[in-house]
Amino acid sequence: MRVGFSFGGQSFSVTLEGNPTARDFLTLLPLDLAIEDYSHNEKIARLPRPLSQRFAGPFRDERVGDLCYYAPWHNLAFFHAGYRYSPGLIRIGRMDGDISPLLRRGTYPLHSEILT
């Protein structure tokens, strides 16, 4: 399943994992949030409710372009630079293609919708 995101004149898509957290995220779509810079390596968007954490656990092969759910804060984390797994982080997908949309600094309205 692919989800489209757009903000600040930028658009990109993410292919979701098949885990319960990703499937729960789909039930919220379409969805309008705010996306903002956090730390040096990610943009975040706070969700209106917690997502399922069923079967969540540590993962490896962290990559730039990962979309994760951070359970303690109920937010999405779009990684545009290297990161390492930490407790509470659940990968729900990976960006398709270029990460350049995530490099645009600032806070913007974020729209997300199911593509396929």
Protein backbone atom coordinates (compact mmCIF):
# COMPACT_ATOMS: atom_id res chain seq x y z
CA MET A 1 0.00 0.00 0.00
CA ARG A 2 1.26 3.46 -0.89
CA VAL A 3 0.44 6.71 0.87
CA GLY A 4 0.91 10.16 -0.64
CA PHE A 5 2.10 13.12 1.42
CA SER A 6 2.25 16.80 0.43
CA PHE A 7 3.41 19.97 2.16
CA GLY A 8 4.93 23.29 1.15
CA GLY A 9 4.62 22.54 -2.57
CA GLN A 10 6.45 19.22 -2.12
CA SER A 11 4.92 15.78 -2.74
CA PHE A 12 6.22 12.28 -2.11
CA SER A 13 4.97 8.77 -1.50
CA VAL A 14 5.73 6.07 1.05
CA THR A 15 5.28 2.33 0.62
CA LEU A 16 3.91 0.98 3.89
CA GLU A 17 5.01 -2.15 5.72
CA GLY A 18 2.43 -4.87 6.40
CA ASN A 19 2.55 -4.51 10.19
CA PRO A 20 -0.41 -3.70 12.49
CA THR A 21 0.88 -0.17 13.15
CA ALA A 22 0.96 0.67 9.43
CA ARG A 23 -2.50 -0.82 8.92
CA ASP A 24 -3.84 1.23 11.84
CA PHE A 25 -2.32 4.39 10.31
CA LEU A 26 -4.29 3.70 7.12
CA THR A 27 -7.56 3.91 9.07
CA LEU A 28 -6.83 7.60 9.77
CA LEU A 29 -6.49 8.58 6.11
CA PRO A 30 -7.10 10.98 4.55
CA LEU A 31 -5.56 13.16 7.23
CA ASP A 32 -4.36 16.74 7.62
CA LEU A 33 -1.63 17.42 10.18
CA ALA A 34 1.30 19.78 10.69
CA ILE A 35 4.85 18.69 9.84
CA GLU A 36 7.85 20.29 11.54
CA ASP A 37 11.59 19.89 11.90
CA TYR A 38 12.85 17.88 14.85
CA SER A 39 16.50 17.40 15.70
CA HIS A 40 18.94 17.31 12.79
CA ASN A 41 17.68 14.19 11.03
CA GLU A 42 13.89 14.11 10.92
CA LYS A 43 10.59 15.84 10.44
CA ILE A 44 7.68 14.90 12.70
CA ALA A 45 3.89 15.07 12.56
CA ARG A 46 1.76 14.48 15.65
CA LEU A 47 -1.16 12.09 15.17
CA PRO A 48 -4.65 12.63 16.62
CA ARG A 49 -4.56 9.30 18.49
CA PRO A 50 -2.15 6.47 19.38
CA LEU A 51 -1.57 3.69 16.85
CA SER A 52 -1.47 -0.04 17.47
CA GLN A 53 1.83 -1.35 18.84
CA ARG A 54 0.91 -5.01 18.36
CA PHE A 55 3.93 -7.15 17.43
CA ALA A 56 6.25 -4.12 17.63
CA GLY A 57 9.85 -4.72 18.54
CA PRO A 58 13.42 -3.76 17.69
CA PHE A 59 14.41 -3.61 14.03
CA ARG A 60 17.64 -3.26 12.10
CA ASP A 61 18.62 -1.89 8.71
CA GLU A 62 17.61 1.68 9.54
CA ARG A 63 17.76 3.82 6.40
CA VAL A 64 17.32 7.37 5.30
CA GLY A 65 13.76 7.65 3.99
CA ASP A 66 12.20 5.49 6.70
CA LEU A 67 8.80 6.50 8.04
CA CYS A 68 8.37 5.48 11.66
CA TYR A 69 5.79 5.84 14.39
CA TYR A 70 7.19 6.99 17.73
CA ALA A 71 4.76 5.52 20.26
CA PRO A 72 5.64 7.59 23.37
CA TRP A 73 4.72 10.85 21.59
CA HIS A 74 2.14 9.46 19.11
CA ASN A 75 3.93 11.02 16.14
CA LEU A 76 5.19 10.10 12.71
CA ALA A 77 8.93 10.49 12.15
CA PHE A 78 10.17 11.02 8.58
CA PHE A 79 13.93 10.40 8.61
CA HIS A 80 15.98 12.42 6.10
CA ALA A 81 19.38 11.57 7.66
CA GLY A 82 20.85 8.59 9.49
CA TYR A 83 19.26 7.37 12.72
CA ARG A 84 19.34 4.38 15.03
CA TYR A 85 16.50 2.33 16.47
CA SER A 86 15.34 3.39 19.93
CA PRO A 87 12.60 1.87 22.12
CA GLY A 88 9.14 3.00 21.05
CA LEU A 89 10.10 3.46 17.39
CA ILE A 90 8.13 1.34 14.91
CA ARG A 91 8.98 1.46 11.20
CA ILE A 92 5.79 1.67 9.16
CA GLY A 93 7.20 2.39 5.70
CA ARG A 94 9.89 3.76 3.41
CA MET A 95 9.86 6.69 1.04
CA ASP A 96 9.68 5.94 -2.65
CA GLY A 97 12.49 7.82 -4.36
CA ASP A 98 14.20 11.04 -3.38
CA ILE A 99 14.16 12.43 0.18
CA SER A 100 14.61 16.05 -0.96
CA PRO A 101 11.04 17.08 0.03
CA LEU A 102 11.98 16.38 3.67
CA LEU A 103 14.94 18.77 3.49
CA ARG A 104 12.68 21.82 3.24
CA ARG A 105 12.99 23.49 6.65
CA GLY A 106 10.04 24.85 8.59
CA THR A 107 6.55 23.95 9.76
CA TYR A 108 3.83 23.30 7.18
CA PRO A 109 0.34 21.85 6.82
CA LEU A 110 0.74 18.19 5.80
CA HIS A 111 -1.86 16.29 3.78
CA SER A 112 -1.79 12.50 3.53
CA GLU A 113 -3.98 10.13 1.53
CA ILE A 114 -4.04 6.56 0.26
CA LEU A 115 -2.66 6.22 -3.28
CA THR A 116 -2.94 2.47 -3.94
